[in-house]
Amino acid sequence: MVLDQFIRAKRLAGRTPNTISQYEWAAVQAKARWAGWAADKLTGDHVEDAYSELLADGRRQWHRGKGTVSTGKPMARRSVQIIHKTVKAAFQLSVDKGQLIRNPARLVSVAGDDDRDDRPHWTASEVGRFLDFMATRTDLPKGLVEVMADTGARVGEVCGVRWSVVDLEAGTAAIVGQLVGDPRDSKMLTFGKTKRPRSKSTLSLHPDTVSALKQRKTEQAEDRLKMGSGWPTVGVSADLVFTWPDGQALNPKTVSRIVGRLSTTAGLPRLTAHGLRHSFATAALEARVPVEVVAARLGNTARMVQEVYQHHIPAEDEAAALLVGNLYRAVRES
């Protein structure tokens, strides 16, 4: 009941389908261990034992004809953290509602919980190699990878960009929503709200990316001419910048799988579309782009960027001592 109530509350709060799916996955993992238990009987020791088991051999994998089975391998720490955060938030909601007097997960922490995993990413030179590689491929629409690498936007946000919010003369594109799987049918797509703290975010694009988008516009015009009246002019696919040759919208999950496959084909470490987002953040911070600017482009808060990418932010203490100290002395000498 605790977990179901939490997920229901998040649905009413308008959380995205992807976020709800993550909560549901975590709830399934928790129920597999505590289903049937009275919520007020669950203790911190029970929670810690479950996390230890997951970290030891909790990884499960789906096989055709067999369903989801145990692999005997450790579950990724990040996955256990997701379960922990879901369980902790679900019990806290029950405490806030007066249904329970304590939260058994409140004082529990997953091993290394305070240290964020180093998100998979490429170096700037590796991103450059991939962009060069993609320039010769037709697996994805022209400009798609460039926009993801250039902006750090989520793959669903990029797949959902429409021509009406792209200004090729100014070299900008606005992020106003994202393509997500329909919760009633994962094969269907819907245009949902973005996770960005602001309802609208206009991002500048690199000149090379603008050139790629101009090529994309020509490419799409040719596709549209071939399709004739079959080209979608209403619904989710209407006016999208990135579509398949028949004008249909790209599924973000499909795009991520293609990027992952092509990354190894290009001779690079395997990386999904979301990895390009982390690559942008890492490169920007290492280039000393202000955290607030990086956060705005990612659609996150500066605090979150600092927490996740802190080890990629160059130490500025010595520079501060020199710069300010030189200012003092310049004034004194004058």
C-alpha atoms as a PDB file:
ATOM      1  CA  MET A   1       0.000   0.000   0.000  1.00  0.00           C
ATOM      2  CA  VAL A   2       2.842   2.410   0.867  1.00  0.00           C
ATOM      3  CA  LEU A   3       4.497   2.069  -2.521  1.00  0.00           C
ATOM      4  CA  ASP A   4       1.255   2.052  -4.502  1.00  0.00           C
ATOM      5  CA  GLN A   5       0.098   5.195  -2.705  1.00  0.00           C
ATOM      6  CA  PHE A   6       3.396   6.915  -3.515  1.00  0.00           C
ATOM      7  CA  ILE A   7       3.215   6.069  -7.222  1.00  0.00           C
ATOM      8  CA  ARG A   8      -0.399   7.207  -7.369  1.00  0.00           C
ATOM      9  CA  ALA A   9       0.572  10.524  -5.780  1.00  0.00           C
ATOM     10  CA  LYS A  10       3.354  11.026  -8.324  1.00  0.00           C
ATOM     11  CA  ARG A  11       0.956  10.329 -11.188  1.00  0.00           C
ATOM     12  CA  LEU A  12      -1.426  12.956  -9.824  1.00  0.00           C
ATOM     13  CA  ALA A  13       1.521  15.348  -9.516  1.00  0.00           C
ATOM     14  CA  GLY A  14       2.093  15.008 -13.259  1.00  0.00           C
ATOM     15  CA  ARG A  15       5.440  13.216 -13.233  1.00  0.00           C
ATOM     16  CA  THR A  16       6.605  12.077 -16.675  1.00  0.00           C
ATOM     17  CA  PRO A  17       5.908   8.500 -17.829  1.00  0.00           C
ATOM     18  CA  ASN A  18       9.626   7.695 -17.713  1.00  0.00           C
ATOM     19  CA  THR A  19       9.830   8.820 -14.095  1.00  0.00           C
ATOM     20  CA  ILE A  20       6.721   6.847 -13.181  1.00  0.00           C
ATOM     21  CA  SER A  21       8.190   3.769 -14.888  1.00  0.00           C
ATOM     22  CA  GLN A  22      11.310   4.147 -12.773  1.00  0.00           C
ATOM     23  CA  TYR A  23       9.223   4.320  -9.594  1.00  0.00           C
ATOM     24  CA  GLU A  24       7.236   1.272 -10.683  1.00  0.00           C
ATOM     25  CA  TRP A  25      10.407  -0.694 -11.375  1.00  0.00           C
ATOM     26  CA  ALA A  26      11.778   0.179  -7.945  1.00  0.00           C
ATOM     27  CA  ALA A  27       8.461  -0.785  -6.340  1.00  0.00           C
ATOM     28  CA  VAL A  28       8.565  -4.207  -8.009  1.00  0.00           C
ATOM     29  CA  GLN A  29      12.056  -4.805  -6.577  1.00  0.00           C
ATOM     30  CA  ALA A  30      10.928  -3.766  -3.099  1.00  0.00           C
ATOM     31  CA  LYS A  31       7.718  -5.819  -3.206  1.00  0.00           C
ATOM     32  CA  ALA A  32       9.697  -8.905  -4.230  1.00  0.00           C
ATOM     33  CA  ARG A  33      11.300  -8.782  -0.771  1.00  0.00           C
ATOM     34  CA  TRP A  34       8.648  -7.294   1.492  1.00  0.00           C
ATOM     35  CA  ALA A  35       5.290  -8.091  -0.119  1.00  0.00           C
ATOM     36  CA  GLY A  36       2.824  -9.075   2.587  1.00  0.00           C
ATOM     37  CA  TRP A  37       4.834  -7.484   5.380  1.00  0.00           C
ATOM     38  CA  ALA A  38       3.098  -4.999   7.633  1.00  0.00           C
ATOM     39  CA  ALA A  39       4.600  -1.602   6.791  1.00  0.00           C
ATOM     40  CA  ASP A  40       5.048  -0.678  10.475  1.00  0.00           C
ATOM     41  CA  LYS A  41       7.066  -3.864  11.089  1.00  0.00           C
ATOM     42  CA  LEU A  42       9.752  -3.067   8.507  1.00  0.00           C
ATOM     43  CA  THR A  43      12.974  -1.882  10.150  1.00  0.00           C
ATOM     44  CA  GLY A  44      16.162  -0.233   9.003  1.00  0.00           C
ATOM     45  CA  ASP A  45      17.960  -3.569   9.419  1.00  0.00           C
ATOM     46  CA  HIS A  46      15.540  -5.211   6.979  1.00  0.00           C
ATOM     47  CA  VAL A  47      16.146  -2.432   4.468  1.00  0.00           C
ATOM     48  CA  GLU A  48      19.938  -2.617   4.819  1.00  0.00           C
ATOM     49  CA  ASP A  49      19.920  -6.420   4.432  1.00  0.00           C
ATOM     50  CA  ALA A  50      17.889  -6.142   1.239  1.00  0.00           C
ATOM     51  CA  TYR A  51      20.275  -3.578  -0.249  1.00  0.00           C
ATOM     52  CA  SER A  52      23.288  -5.741   0.663  1.00  0.00           C
ATOM     53  CA  GLU A  53      21.700  -8.713  -1.112  1.00  0.00           C
ATOM     54  CA  LEU A  54      20.988  -6.636  -4.207  1.00  0.00           C
ATOM     55  CA  LEU A  55      24.538  -5.306  -4.299  1.00  0.00           C
ATOM     56  CA  ALA A  56      25.850  -8.871  -3.977  1.00  0.00           C
ATOM     57  CA  ASP A  57      23.712 -10.781  -6.490  1.00  0.00           C
ATOM     58  CA  GLY A  58      20.552  -8.821  -7.260  1.00  0.00           C
ATOM     59  CA  ARG A  59      20.938  -8.303 -10.991  1.00  0.00           C
ATOM     60  CA  ARG A  60      18.094  -9.763 -13.052  1.00  0.00           C
ATOM     61  CA  GLN A  61      17.755 -10.099 -16.812  1.00  0.00           C
ATOM     62  CA  TRP A  62      14.887 -10.806 -19.167  1.00  0.00           C
ATOM     63  CA  HIS A  63      15.142 -13.848 -21.462  1.00  0.00           C
ATOM     64  CA  ARG A  64      12.710 -14.780 -24.203  1.00  0.00           C
ATOM     65  CA  GLY A  65      10.587 -17.698 -23.071  1.00  0.00           C
ATOM     66  CA  LYS A  66      11.910 -17.562 -19.504  1.00  0.00           C
ATOM     67  CA  GLY A  67      10.882 -14.111 -18.380  1.00  0.00           C
ATOM     68  CA  THR A  68      12.972 -12.176 -15.869  1.00  0.00           C
ATOM     69  CA  VAL A  69      15.490 -14.398 -14.096  1.00  0.00           C
ATOM     70  CA  SER A  70      18.305 -13.897 -11.613  1.00  0.00           C
ATOM     71  CA  THR A  71      21.815 -13.696 -13.050  1.00  0.00           C
ATOM     72  CA  GLY A  72      23.657 -14.131  -9.780  1.00  0.00           C
ATOM     73  CA  LYS A  73      25.559 -10.941 -10.563  1.00  0.00           C
ATOM     74  CA  PRO A  74      25.625  -7.711  -8.507  1.00  0.00           C
ATOM     75  CA  MET A  75      22.982  -5.077  -9.180  1.00  0.00           C
ATOM     76  CA  ALA A  76      24.446  -1.744 -10.219  1.00  0.00           C
ATOM     77  CA  ARG A  77      24.901   0.624  -7.302  1.00  0.00           C
ATOM     78  CA  ARG A  78      22.943   3.284  -9.178  1.00  0.00           C
ATOM     79  CA  SER A  79      19.975   0.894  -9.450  1.00  0.00           C
ATOM     80  CA  VAL A  80      20.053   0.176  -5.720  1.00  0.00           C
ATOM     81  CA  GLN A  81      20.166   3.913  -5.054  1.00  0.00           C
ATOM     82  CA  ILE A  82      17.018   4.348  -7.162  1.00  0.00           C
ATOM     83  CA  ILE A  83      15.258   1.650  -5.133  1.00  0.00           C
ATOM     84  CA  HIS A  84      16.403   3.275  -1.901  1.00  0.00           C
ATOM     85  CA  LYS A  85      15.223   6.745  -2.880  1.00  0.00           C
ATOM     86  CA  THR A  86      11.843   5.374  -3.946  1.00  0.00           C
ATOM     87  CA  VAL A  87      11.368   3.364  -0.743  1.00  0.00           C
ATOM     88  CA  LYS A  88      12.517   6.268   1.416  1.00  0.00           C
ATOM     89  CA  ALA A  89      10.201   8.757  -0.310  1.00  0.00           C
ATOM     90  CA  ALA A  90       7.252   6.342  -0.228  1.00  0.00           C
ATOM     91  CA  PHE A  91       7.534   5.727   3.499  1.00  0.00           C
ATOM     92  CA  GLN A  92       8.055   9.424   4.177  1.00  0.00           C
ATOM     93  CA  LEU A  93       4.788  10.183   2.381  1.00  0.00           C
ATOM     94  CA  SER A  94       3.003   7.724   4.694  1.00  0.00           C
ATOM     95  CA  VAL A  95       4.631   9.360   7.720  1.00  0.00           C
ATOM     96  CA  ASP A  96       3.560  12.807   6.505  1.00  0.00           C
ATOM     97  CA  LYS A  97       0.001  11.529   6.083  1.00  0.00           C
ATOM     98  CA  GLY A  98      -0.017  10.199   9.660  1.00  0.00           C
ATOM     99  CA  GLN A  99      -0.327   6.584   8.525  1.00  0.00           C
ATOM    100  CA  LEU A 100       3.040   5.552   9.998  1.00  0.00           C
ATOM    101  CA  ILE A 101       5.084   6.951  12.867  1.00  0.00           C
ATOM    102  CA  ARG A 102       8.538   6.234  11.422  1.00  0.00           C
ATOM    103  CA  ASN A 103      10.393   5.847   8.133  1.00  0.00           C
ATOM    104  CA  PRO A 104      12.582   2.696   8.238  1.00  0.00           C
ATOM    105  CA  ALA A 105      14.698   3.898   5.298  1.00  0.00           C
ATOM    106  CA  ARG A 106      15.403   7.373   6.693  1.00  0.00           C
ATOM    107  CA  LEU A 107      18.688   6.486   8.439  1.00  0.00           C
ATOM    108  CA  VAL A 108      19.787   3.916   5.868  1.00  0.00           C
ATOM    109  CA  SER A 109      22.332   4.724   3.166  1.00  0.00           C
ATOM    110  CA  VAL A 110      23.486   2.665   0.227  1.00  0.00           C
ATOM    111  CA  ALA A 111      27.252   2.059   0.123  1.00  0.00           C
ATOM    112  CA  GLY A 112      28.771   5.130  -1.456  1.00  0.00           C
ATOM    113  CA  ASP A 113      25.372   6.832  -1.512  1.00  0.00           C
ATOM    114  CA  ASP A 114      26.946  10.257  -1.075  1.00  0.00           C
ATOM    115  CA  ASP A 115      29.287   9.751  -4.011  1.00  0.00           C
ATOM    116  CA  ARG A 116      27.600   9.937  -7.382  1.00  0.00           C
ATOM    117  CA  ASP A 117      28.674   7.381  -9.948  1.00  0.00           C
ATOM    118  CA  ASP A 118      30.971   8.802 -12.587  1.00  0.00           C
ATOM    119  CA  ARG A 119      28.469   8.983 -15.432  1.00  0.00           C
ATOM    120  CA  PRO A 120      29.624   7.263 -18.636  1.00  0.00           C
ATOM    121  CA  HIS A 121      30.870   9.932 -21.013  1.00  0.00           C
ATOM    122  CA  TRP A 122      33.325  10.629 -23.812  1.00  0.00           C
ATOM    123  CA  THR A 123      36.157  13.104 -23.884  1.00  0.00           C
ATOM    124  CA  ALA A 124      35.790  16.114 -26.154  1.00  0.00           C
ATOM    125  CA  SER A 125      38.019  14.489 -28.779  1.00  0.00           C
ATOM    126  CA  GLU A 126      35.934  11.297 -28.693  1.00  0.00           C
ATOM    127  CA  VAL A 127      32.741  13.287 -29.242  1.00  0.00           C
ATOM    128  CA  GLY A 128      34.458  14.968 -32.183  1.00  0.00           C
ATOM    129  CA  ARG A 129      35.372  11.591 -33.648  1.00  0.00           C
ATOM    130  CA  PHE A 130      31.790  10.408 -33.316  1.00  0.00           C
ATOM    131  CA  LEU A 131      30.440  13.535 -35.013  1.00  0.00           C
ATOM    132  CA  ASP A 132      32.837  12.959 -37.921  1.00  0.00           C
ATOM    133  CA  PHE A 133      31.740   9.323 -38.084  1.00  0.00           C
ATOM    134  CA  MET A 134      28.030  10.235 -38.067  1.00  0.00           C
ATOM    135  CA  ALA A 135      28.557  12.702 -40.927  1.00  0.00           C
ATOM    136  CA  THR A 136      28.993   9.666 -43.194  1.00  0.00           C
ATOM    137  CA  ARG A 137      26.001   7.705 -41.851  1.00  0.00           C
ATOM    138  CA  THR A 138      22.294   7.721 -42.610  1.00  0.00           C
ATOM    139  CA  ASP A 139      21.114   5.698 -39.599  1.00  0.00           C
ATOM    140  CA  LEU A 140      19.731   8.842 -37.976  1.00  0.00           C
ATOM    141  CA  PRO A 141      18.517  12.182 -39.386  1.00  0.00           C
ATOM    142  CA  LYS A 142      21.184  14.771 -40.145  1.00  0.00           C
ATOM    143  CA  GLY A 143      21.831  17.088 -37.218  1.00  0.00           C
ATOM    144  CA  LEU A 144      20.287  14.928 -34.496  1.00  0.00           C
ATOM    145  CA  VAL A 145      23.539  13.829 -32.868  1.00  0.00           C
ATOM    146  CA  GLU A 146      24.988  17.312 -33.317  1.00  0.00           C
ATOM    147  CA  VAL A 147      22.117  18.884 -31.373  1.00  0.00           C
ATOM    148  CA  MET A 148      22.392  16.322 -28.565  1.00  0.00           C
ATOM    149  CA  ALA A 149      26.150  16.806 -28.285  1.00  0.00           C
ATOM    150  CA  ASP A 150      25.894  20.590 -28.698  1.00  0.00           C
ATOM    151  CA  THR A 151      23.213  21.285 -26.101  1.00  0.00           C
ATOM    152  CA  GLY A 152      23.340  18.504 -23.536  1.00  0.00           C
ATOM    153  CA  ALA A 153      19.561  18.211 -23.885  1.00  0.00           C
ATOM    154  CA  ARG A 154      17.822  14.951 -23.076  1.00  0.00           C
ATOM    155  CA  VAL A 155      17.222  12.635 -26.025  1.00  0.00           C
ATOM    156  CA  GLY A 156      13.436  12.970 -25.633  1.00  0.00           C
ATOM    157  CA  GLU A 157      13.754  16.760 -25.682  1.00  0.00           C
ATOM    158  CA  VAL A 158      15.794  16.710 -28.889  1.00  0.00           C
ATOM    159  CA  CYS A 159      13.442  14.216 -30.571  1.00  0.00           C
ATOM    160  CA  GLY A 160      10.573  16.537 -29.657  1.00  0.00           C
ATOM    161  CA  VAL A 161      12.025  19.750 -31.159  1.00  0.00           C
ATOM    162  CA  ARG A 162       9.723  21.290 -33.774  1.00  0.00           C
ATOM    163  CA  TRP A 163      10.677  23.631 -36.602  1.00  0.00           C
ATOM    164  CA  SER A 164       8.431  26.301 -35.102  1.00  0.00           C
ATOM    165  CA  VAL A 165      10.904  26.767 -32.206  1.00  0.00           C
ATOM    166  CA  VAL A 166      14.096  26.647 -34.314  1.00  0.00           C
ATOM    167  CA  ASP A 167      15.592  29.916 -35.558  1.00  0.00           C
ATOM    168  CA  LEU A 168      18.326  29.071 -38.052  1.00  0.00           C
ATOM    169  CA  GLU A 169      19.209  32.742 -38.581  1.00  0.00           C
ATOM    170  CA  ALA A 170      19.737  33.370 -34.870  1.00  0.00           C
ATOM    171  CA  GLY A 171      21.238  29.905 -34.375  1.00  0.00           C
ATOM    172  CA  THR A 172      18.899  28.886 -31.552  1.00  0.00           C
ATOM    173  CA  ALA A 173      16.435  26.155 -30.656  1.00  0.00           C
ATOM    174  CA  ALA A 174      13.888  26.153 -27.838  1.00  0.00           C
ATOM    175  CA  ILE A 175      13.211  23.169 -25.600  1.00  0.00           C
ATOM    176  CA  VAL A 176       9.497  23.263 -24.805  1.00  0.00           C
ATOM    177  CA  GLY A 177       8.685  19.590 -24.258  1.00  0.00           C
ATOM    178  CA  GLN A 178       9.820  16.054 -24.905  1.00  0.00           C
ATOM    179  CA  LEU A 179       8.711  12.898 -26.674  1.00  0.00           C
ATOM    180  CA  VAL A 180       7.933  10.089 -24.233  1.00  0.00           C
ATOM    181  CA  GLY A 181       6.333   6.683 -24.448  1.00  0.00           C
ATOM    182  CA  ASP A 182       2.590   6.635 -23.886  1.00  0.00           C
ATOM    183  CA  PRO A 183       1.965   5.000 -20.461  1.00  0.00           C
ATOM    184  CA  ARG A 184      -0.927   3.042 -21.995  1.00  0.00           C
ATOM    185  CA  ASP A 185       1.140   1.719 -24.912  1.00  0.00           C
ATOM    186  CA  SER A 186       4.950   1.909 -24.855  1.00  0.00           C
ATOM    187  CA  LYS A 187       5.066   1.694 -28.669  1.00  0.00           C
ATOM    188  CA  MET A 188       3.059   4.908 -28.939  1.00  0.00           C
ATOM    189  CA  LEU A 189       4.602   8.332 -28.357  1.00  0.00           C
ATOM    190  CA  THR A 190       3.178  11.408 -26.744  1.00  0.00           C
ATOM    191  CA  PHE A 191       4.459  14.971 -26.402  1.00  0.00           C
ATOM    192  CA  GLY A 192       4.932  15.629 -22.711  1.00  0.00           C
ATOM    193  CA  LYS A 193       6.319  18.246 -20.382  1.00  0.00           C
ATOM    194  CA  THR A 194      10.049  18.671 -20.072  1.00  0.00           C
ATOM    195  CA  LYS A 195      11.799  18.112 -16.749  1.00  0.00           C
ATOM    196  CA  ARG A 196      13.372  21.552 -17.037  1.00  0.00           C
ATOM    197  CA  PRO A 197      12.631  23.911 -14.140  1.00  0.00           C
ATOM    198  CA  ARG A 198      11.400  26.504 -16.627  1.00  0.00           C
ATOM    199  CA  SER A 199       8.617  25.859 -19.098  1.00  0.00           C
ATOM    200  CA  LYS A 200      10.770  27.137 -21.948  1.00  0.00           C
ATOM    201  CA  SER A 201      14.488  27.212 -22.591  1.00  0.00           C
ATOM    202  CA  THR A 202      16.125  28.676 -25.698  1.00  0.00           C
ATOM    203  CA  LEU A 203      19.600  27.320 -26.407  1.00  0.00           C
ATOM    204  CA  SER A 204      22.286  28.666 -28.717  1.00  0.00           C
ATOM    205  CA  LEU A 205      23.720  26.266 -31.289  1.00  0.00           C
ATOM    206  CA  HIS A 206      27.205  25.938 -32.736  1.00  0.00           C
ATOM    207  CA  PRO A 207      27.512  27.204 -36.338  1.00  0.00           C
ATOM    208  CA  ASP A 208      28.341  23.673 -37.539  1.00  0.00           C
ATOM    209  CA  THR A 209      25.147  22.396 -35.929  1.00  0.00           C
ATOM    210  CA  VAL A 210      23.143  25.161 -37.605  1.00  0.00           C
ATOM    211  CA  SER A 211      24.642  24.069 -40.949  1.00  0.00           C
ATOM    212  CA  ALA A 212      23.646  20.467 -40.209  1.00  0.00           C
ATOM    213  CA  LEU A 213      20.080  21.596 -39.442  1.00  0.00           C
ATOM    214  CA  LYS A 214      19.922  23.458 -42.735  1.00  0.00           C
ATOM    215  CA  GLN A 215      20.935  20.228 -44.475  1.00  0.00           C
ATOM    216  CA  ARG A 216      18.305  18.445 -42.404  1.00  0.00           C
ATOM    217  CA  LYS A 217      15.631  20.833 -43.629  1.00  0.00           C
ATOM    218  CA  THR A 218      16.555  20.072 -47.245  1.00  0.00           C
ATOM    219  CA  GLU A 219      16.705  16.347 -46.503  1.00  0.00           C
ATOM    220  CA  GLN A 220      13.283  16.392 -44.894  1.00  0.00           C
ATOM    221  CA  ALA A 221      11.759  18.414 -47.737  1.00  0.00           C
ATOM    222  CA  GLU A 222      12.851  15.674 -50.147  1.00  0.00           C
ATOM    223  CA  ASP A 223      11.334  12.989 -47.908  1.00  0.00           C
ATOM    224  CA  ARG A 224       8.105  14.946 -47.662  1.00  0.00           C
ATOM    225  CA  LEU A 225       7.896  15.293 -51.444  1.00  0.00           C
ATOM    226  CA  LYS A 226       8.238  11.526 -51.825  1.00  0.00           C
ATOM    227  CA  MET A 227       5.541  10.817 -49.229  1.00  0.00           C
ATOM    228  CA  GLY A 228       3.082  13.334 -50.654  1.00  0.00           C
ATOM    229  CA  SER A 229      -0.268  13.221 -48.842  1.00  0.00           C
ATOM    230  CA  GLY A 230       1.047  10.479 -46.567  1.00  0.00           C
ATOM    231  CA  TRP A 231       3.251  12.928 -44.710  1.00  0.00           C
ATOM    232  CA  PRO A 232       1.872  13.552 -41.174  1.00  0.00           C
ATOM    233  CA  THR A 233       0.628  17.113 -40.679  1.00  0.00           C
ATOM    234  CA  VAL A 234      -1.250  16.591 -37.402  1.00  0.00           C
ATOM    235  CA  GLY A 235      -0.561  14.729 -34.195  1.00  0.00           C
ATOM    236  CA  VAL A 236       2.716  14.016 -32.429  1.00  0.00           C
ATOM    237  CA  SER A 237       4.809  13.832 -35.615  1.00  0.00           C
ATOM    238  CA  ALA A 238       3.657  17.128 -37.102  1.00  0.00           C
ATOM    239  CA  ASP A 239       6.400  19.733 -37.655  1.00  0.00           C
ATOM    240  CA  LEU A 240       9.103  17.669 -35.925  1.00  0.00           C
ATOM    241  CA  VAL A 241      12.666  18.448 -36.984  1.00  0.00           C
ATOM    242  CA  PHE A 242      13.850  14.867 -36.627  1.00  0.00           C
ATOM    243  CA  THR A 243      11.715  12.162 -38.196  1.00  0.00           C
ATOM    244  CA  TRP A 244      12.088   8.944 -40.133  1.00  0.00           C
ATOM    245  CA  PRO A 245      11.895   9.249 -43.955  1.00  0.00           C
ATOM    246  CA  ASP A 246       8.115   8.659 -43.764  1.00  0.00           C
ATOM    247  CA  GLY A 247       7.690  11.631 -41.419  1.00  0.00           C
ATOM    248  CA  GLN A 248       7.005   9.599 -38.297  1.00  0.00           C
ATOM    249  CA  ALA A 249       8.485  10.612 -34.943  1.00  0.00           C
ATOM    250  CA  LEU A 250      11.638   9.002 -33.584  1.00  0.00           C
ATOM    251  CA  ASN A 251      11.268   6.949 -30.419  1.00  0.00           C
ATOM    252  CA  PRO A 252      13.906   8.257 -27.961  1.00  0.00           C
ATOM    253  CA  LYS A 253      14.654   4.711 -26.781  1.00  0.00           C
ATOM    254  CA  THR A 254      15.303   3.628 -30.364  1.00  0.00           C
ATOM    255  CA  VAL A 255      17.607   6.596 -30.896  1.00  0.00           C
ATOM    256  CA  SER A 256      19.548   5.701 -27.758  1.00  0.00           C
ATOM    257  CA  ARG A 257      19.959   2.091 -28.899  1.00  0.00           C
ATOM    258  CA  ILE A 258      21.191   3.220 -32.317  1.00  0.00           C
ATOM    259  CA  VAL A 259      23.708   5.605 -30.771  1.00  0.00           C
ATOM    260  CA  GLY A 260      24.937   2.803 -28.516  1.00  0.00           C
ATOM    261  CA  ARG A 261      25.377   0.454 -31.472  1.00  0.00           C
ATOM    262  CA  LEU A 262      27.092   3.031 -33.661  1.00  0.00           C
ATOM    263  CA  SER A 263      29.419   4.141 -30.874  1.00  0.00           C
ATOM    264  CA  THR A 264      31.158   0.764 -30.933  1.00  0.00           C
ATOM    265  CA  THR A 265      31.051   0.660 -34.732  1.00  0.00           C
ATOM    266  CA  ALA A 266      32.959   3.941 -34.664  1.00  0.00           C
ATOM    267  CA  GLY A 267      35.649   2.302 -32.533  1.00  0.00           C
ATOM    268  CA  LEU A 268      34.701   4.218 -29.384  1.00  0.00           C
ATOM    269  CA  PRO A 269      33.650   3.051 -25.902  1.00  0.00           C
ATOM    270  CA  ARG A 270      29.962   2.167 -25.946  1.00  0.00           C
ATOM    271  CA  LEU A 271      27.792   5.152 -25.036  1.00  0.00           C
ATOM    272  CA  THR A 272      24.062   5.769 -25.236  1.00  0.00           C
ATOM    273  CA  ALA A 273      22.363   9.015 -26.204  1.00  0.00           C
ATOM    274  CA  HIS A 274      22.154  10.017 -22.541  1.00  0.00           C
ATOM    275  CA  GLY A 275      25.925   9.641 -22.358  1.00  0.00           C
ATOM    276  CA  LEU A 276      26.226  12.518 -24.833  1.00  0.00           C
ATOM    277  CA  ARG A 277      24.455  14.669 -22.242  1.00  0.00           C
ATOM    278  CA  HIS A 278      27.058  13.760 -19.626  1.00  0.00           C
ATOM    279  CA  SER A 279      29.812  14.326 -22.188  1.00  0.00           C
ATOM    280  CA  PHE A 280      28.562  17.859 -22.804  1.00  0.00           C
ATOM    281  CA  ALA A 281      28.409  18.661 -19.094  1.00  0.00           C
ATOM    282  CA  THR A 282      31.877  17.263 -18.468  1.00  0.00           C
ATOM    283  CA  ALA A 283      33.489  19.080 -21.399  1.00  0.00           C
ATOM    284  CA  ALA A 284      31.775  22.365 -20.534  1.00  0.00           C
ATOM    285  CA  LEU A 285      32.838  22.300 -16.899  1.00  0.00           C
ATOM    286  CA  GLU A 286      36.399  21.278 -17.717  1.00  0.00           C
ATOM    287  CA  ALA A 287      36.490  24.212 -20.165  1.00  0.00           C
ATOM    288  CA  ARG A 288      35.523  26.462 -17.222  1.00  0.00           C
ATOM    289  CA  VAL A 289      32.058  27.339 -18.501  1.00  0.00           C
ATOM    290  CA  PRO A 290      30.240  28.734 -15.411  1.00  0.00           C
ATOM    291  CA  VAL A 291      28.202  26.127 -13.549  1.00  0.00           C
ATOM    292  CA  GLU A 292      25.071  28.279 -13.837  1.00  0.00           C
ATOM    293  CA  VAL A 293      25.383  28.339 -17.644  1.00  0.00           C
ATOM    294  CA  VAL A 294      25.943  24.576 -17.825  1.00  0.00           C
ATOM    295  CA  ALA A 295      22.944  24.005 -15.561  1.00  0.00           C
ATOM    296  CA  ALA A 296      20.719  26.225 -17.725  1.00  0.00           C
ATOM    297  CA  ARG A 297      21.639  24.299 -20.871  1.00  0.00           C
ATOM    298  CA  LEU A 298      21.098  20.949 -19.180  1.00  0.00           C
ATOM    299  CA  GLY A 299      17.815  22.070 -17.677  1.00  0.00           C
ATOM    300  CA  ASN A 300      19.036  21.331 -14.150  1.00  0.00           C
ATOM    301  CA  THR A 301      19.806  23.425 -11.111  1.00  0.00           C
ATOM    302  CA  ALA A 302      23.332  24.626 -10.455  1.00  0.00           C
ATOM    303  CA  ARG A 303      23.315  22.677  -7.197  1.00  0.00           C
ATOM    304  CA  MET A 304      22.519  19.411  -8.977  1.00  0.00           C
ATOM    305  CA  VAL A 305      25.258  19.998 -11.542  1.00  0.00           C
ATOM    306  CA  GLN A 306      27.762  20.657  -8.763  1.00  0.00           C
ATOM    307  CA  GLU A 307      26.721  17.463  -6.951  1.00  0.00           C
ATOM    308  CA  VAL A 308      26.858  15.229 -10.012  1.00  0.00           C
ATOM    309  CA  TYR A 309      29.896  16.668 -11.778  1.00  0.00           C
ATOM    310  CA  GLN A 310      31.867  18.138  -8.871  1.00  0.00           C
ATOM    311  CA  HIS A 311      34.994  16.143  -9.711  1.00  0.00           C
ATOM    312  CA  HIS A 312      35.022  17.666 -13.207  1.00  0.00           C
ATOM    313  CA  ILE A 313      34.948  21.274 -11.986  1.00  0.00           C
ATOM    314  CA  PRO A 314      38.528  22.658 -12.007  1.00  0.00           C
ATOM    315  CA  ALA A 315      39.907  23.852  -8.703  1.00  0.00           C
ATOM    316  CA  GLU A 316      39.763  27.658  -8.758  1.00  0.00           C
ATOM    317  CA  ASP A 317      41.166  28.399  -5.303  1.00  0.00           C
ATOM    318  CA  GLU A 318      44.697  29.177  -6.496  1.00  0.00           C
ATOM    319  CA  ALA A 319      43.381  31.306  -9.360  1.00  0.00           C
ATOM    320  CA  ALA A 320      41.174  33.242  -6.932  1.00  0.00           C
ATOM    321  CA  ALA A 321      44.150  33.952  -4.665  1.00  0.00           C
ATOM    322  CA  LEU A 322      46.219  35.272  -7.560  1.00  0.00           C
ATOM    323  CA  LEU A 323      43.486  37.322  -9.237  1.00  0.00           C
ATOM    324  CA  VAL A 324      42.195  39.044  -6.115  1.00  0.00           C
ATOM    325  CA  GLY A 325      45.664  39.436  -4.635  1.00  0.00           C
ATOM    326  CA  ASN A 326      46.903  41.074  -7.837  1.00  0.00           C
ATOM    327  CA  LEU A 327      43.951  43.487  -7.737  1.00  0.00           C
ATOM    328  CA  TYR A 328      44.853  44.524  -4.199  1.00  0.00           C
ATOM    329  CA  ARG A 329      48.457  45.132  -5.138  1.00  0.00           C
ATOM    330  CA  ALA A 330      47.607  46.954  -8.352  1.00  0.00           C
ATOM    331  CA  VAL A 331      45.535  49.423  -6.352  1.00  0.00           C
ATOM    332  CA  ARG A 332      48.306  49.841  -3.777  1.00  0.00           C
ATOM    333  CA  GLU A 333      50.974  50.438  -6.429  1.00  0.00           C
ATOM    334  CA  SER A 334      48.881  53.022  -8.239  1.00  0.00           C
END
